[in-house]
Amino acid sequence: MDAVISDRFLSMSDVAKILGVSKRTVERMEKRGTLPEKTRLSHKTVGWRSSRFQEFMNTL
């Protein structure tokens, strides 16, 4: 249960900074299906779960 509580969401800016690329590159990677799927947080807000993104980073 602690993992769920501590799991935060990453914005596009966060992901771009982690990968060292621009937001536009993140959009392209997302369109190609290179990145894990985002999770909808609200009507206008989406983000990546940090745990799923870490799993993705471990595969690189």
N, C-alpha and C. Protein backbone atom coordinates (compact mmCIF):
# COMPACT_ATOMS: atom_id res chain seq x y z
N MET A 1 0.82 -1.19 0.00
CA MET A 1 0.00 0.00 0.00
C MET A 1 0.86 1.26 0.00
N ASP A 2 2.03 1.22 0.63
CA ASP A 2 2.91 2.39 0.66
C ASP A 2 3.35 2.81 -0.74
N ALA A 3 3.55 1.83 -1.63
CA ALA A 3 3.98 2.15 -2.99
C ALA A 3 2.94 2.97 -3.72
N VAL A 4 1.69 2.68 -3.51
CA VAL A 4 0.62 3.42 -4.18
C VAL A 4 0.57 4.85 -3.65
N ILE A 5 0.72 5.02 -2.36
CA ILE A 5 0.65 6.34 -1.76
C ILE A 5 1.83 7.20 -2.20
N SER A 6 3.02 6.63 -2.26
CA SER A 6 4.20 7.41 -2.59
C SER A 6 4.40 7.58 -4.10
N ASP A 7 3.64 6.88 -4.92
CA ASP A 7 3.77 6.98 -6.37
C ASP A 7 3.23 8.33 -6.83
N ARG A 8 4.10 9.16 -7.40
CA ARG A 8 3.65 10.46 -7.86
C ARG A 8 3.53 10.47 -9.38
N PHE A 9 2.99 11.54 -9.91
CA PHE A 9 2.82 11.66 -11.34
C PHE A 9 3.84 12.63 -11.91
N LEU A 10 4.31 12.31 -13.10
CA LEU A 10 5.29 13.15 -13.79
C LEU A 10 4.60 13.90 -14.91
N SER A 11 4.88 15.17 -15.03
CA SER A 11 4.33 15.98 -16.12
C SER A 11 5.21 15.80 -17.36
N MET A 12 4.76 16.38 -18.46
CA MET A 12 5.56 16.31 -19.68
C MET A 12 6.90 17.01 -19.46
N SER A 13 6.89 18.13 -18.74
CA SER A 13 8.14 18.83 -18.44
C SER A 13 9.09 17.96 -17.63
N ASP A 14 8.54 17.25 -16.64
CA ASP A 14 9.36 16.34 -15.83
C ASP A 14 10.00 15.27 -16.70
N VAL A 15 9.20 14.66 -17.56
CA VAL A 15 9.69 13.58 -18.43
C VAL A 15 10.75 14.11 -19.39
N ALA A 16 10.51 15.29 -19.97
CA ALA A 16 11.49 15.88 -20.88
C ALA A 16 12.81 16.13 -20.16
N LYS A 17 12.74 16.62 -18.93
CA LYS A 17 13.94 16.91 -18.15
C LYS A 17 14.69 15.61 -17.82
N ILE A 18 13.95 14.58 -17.43
CA ILE A 18 14.57 13.30 -17.09
C ILE A 18 15.28 12.70 -18.30
N LEU A 19 14.63 12.78 -19.47
CA LEU A 19 15.20 12.20 -20.68
C LEU A 19 16.23 13.11 -21.35
N GLY A 20 16.25 14.39 -20.96
CA GLY A 20 17.18 15.33 -21.56
C GLY A 20 16.80 15.71 -22.98
N VAL A 21 15.48 15.80 -23.23
CA VAL A 21 14.98 16.15 -24.56
C VAL A 21 13.94 17.26 -24.41
N SER A 22 13.46 17.76 -25.54
CA SER A 22 12.43 18.80 -25.52
C SER A 22 11.05 18.18 -25.32
N LYS A 23 10.09 19.02 -24.97
CA LYS A 23 8.71 18.55 -24.83
C LYS A 23 8.18 18.03 -26.17
N ARG A 24 8.60 18.66 -27.25
CA ARG A 24 8.17 18.22 -28.59
C ARG A 24 8.68 16.80 -28.86
N THR A 25 9.90 16.50 -28.45
CA THR A 25 10.45 15.15 -28.62
C THR A 25 9.66 14.16 -27.79
N VAL A 26 9.26 14.55 -26.57
CA VAL A 26 8.43 13.68 -25.74
C VAL A 26 7.11 13.41 -26.46
N GLU A 27 6.51 14.43 -27.07
CA GLU A 27 5.27 14.24 -27.83
C GLU A 27 5.47 13.25 -28.97
N ARG A 28 6.59 13.36 -29.67
CA ARG A 28 6.88 12.45 -30.78
C ARG A 28 7.06 11.01 -30.27
N MET A 29 7.78 10.87 -29.17
CA MET A 29 7.99 9.54 -28.59
C MET A 29 6.67 8.93 -28.16
N GLU A 30 5.82 9.75 -27.59
CA GLU A 30 4.50 9.30 -27.16
C GLU A 30 3.67 8.85 -28.36
N LYS A 31 3.72 9.61 -29.43
CA LYS A 31 2.96 9.28 -30.64
C LYS A 31 3.44 7.97 -31.26
N ARG A 32 4.76 7.72 -31.19
CA ARG A 32 5.33 6.47 -31.72
C ARG A 32 5.06 5.28 -30.82
N GLY A 33 4.64 5.56 -29.58
CA GLY A 33 4.40 4.47 -28.64
C GLY A 33 5.65 4.05 -27.89
N THR A 34 6.67 4.89 -27.92
CA THR A 34 7.93 4.58 -27.25
C THR A 34 7.80 4.69 -25.73
N LEU A 35 7.00 5.62 -25.27
CA LEU A 35 6.83 5.86 -23.83
C LEU A 35 5.66 5.06 -23.28
N PRO A 36 5.66 4.81 -21.96
CA PRO A 36 4.50 4.15 -21.36
C PRO A 36 3.27 5.06 -21.47
N GLU A 37 2.10 4.48 -21.36
CA GLU A 37 0.87 5.27 -21.45
C GLU A 37 0.73 6.21 -20.28
N LYS A 38 0.14 7.38 -20.57
CA LYS A 38 -0.13 8.35 -19.51
C LYS A 38 -1.42 7.96 -18.81
N THR A 39 -1.62 8.50 -17.62
CA THR A 39 -2.82 8.30 -16.84
C THR A 39 -3.56 9.61 -16.74
N ARG A 40 -4.86 9.59 -16.97
CA ARG A 40 -5.67 10.80 -16.86
C ARG A 40 -5.94 11.09 -15.39
N LEU A 41 -5.57 12.29 -14.95
CA LEU A 41 -5.76 12.70 -13.57
C LEU A 41 -7.05 13.49 -13.39
N SER A 42 -7.38 14.27 -14.40
CA SER A 42 -8.62 15.04 -14.40
C SER A 42 -9.00 15.29 -15.85
N HIS A 43 -10.01 16.10 -16.05
CA HIS A 43 -10.48 16.37 -17.41
C HIS A 43 -9.36 16.90 -18.31
N LYS A 44 -8.51 17.78 -17.77
CA LYS A 44 -7.47 18.41 -18.58
C LYS A 44 -6.05 17.96 -18.25
N THR A 45 -5.89 17.19 -17.20
CA THR A 45 -4.55 16.86 -16.72
C THR A 45 -4.24 15.38 -16.89
N VAL A 46 -3.07 15.12 -17.48
CA VAL A 46 -2.58 13.75 -17.62
C VAL A 46 -1.13 13.71 -17.17
N GLY A 47 -0.65 12.54 -16.82
CA GLY A 47 0.73 12.41 -16.40
C GLY A 47 1.15 10.95 -16.38
N TRP A 48 2.42 10.74 -16.18
CA TRP A 48 2.96 9.40 -16.11
C TRP A 48 3.18 9.03 -14.64
N ARG A 49 2.79 7.83 -14.26
CA ARG A 49 3.10 7.35 -12.91
C ARG A 49 4.61 7.17 -12.83
N SER A 50 5.20 7.69 -11.79
CA SER A 50 6.66 7.62 -11.67
C SER A 50 7.16 6.17 -11.62
N SER A 51 6.38 5.28 -11.01
CA SER A 51 6.81 3.87 -10.94
C SER A 51 6.83 3.23 -12.32
N ARG A 52 5.81 3.49 -13.14
CA ARG A 52 5.80 2.93 -14.50
C ARG A 52 6.89 3.55 -15.35
N PHE A 53 7.14 4.84 -15.14
CA PHE A 53 8.19 5.50 -15.91
C PHE A 53 9.55 4.96 -15.51
N GLN A 54 9.75 4.68 -14.22
CA GLN A 54 11.02 4.10 -13.77
C GLN A 54 11.23 2.72 -14.39
N GLU A 55 10.18 1.92 -14.48
CA GLU A 55 10.28 0.61 -15.14
C GLU A 55 10.71 0.79 -16.59
N PHE A 56 10.14 1.79 -17.27
CA PHE A 56 10.51 2.08 -18.65
C PHE A 56 11.99 2.47 -18.73
N MET A 57 12.44 3.33 -17.81
CA MET A 57 13.84 3.78 -17.82
C MET A 57 14.79 2.61 -17.57
N ASN A 58 14.37 1.65 -16.78
CA ASN A 58 15.21 0.48 -16.50
C ASN A 58 15.40 -0.40 -17.74
N THR A 59 14.52 -0.28 -18.71
CA THR A 59 14.63 -1.09 -19.93
C THR A 59 15.56 -0.45 -20.96
N LEU A 60 15.94 0.79 -20.76
CA LEU A 60 16.80 1.49 -21.74
C LEU A 60 18.24 1.05 -21.60
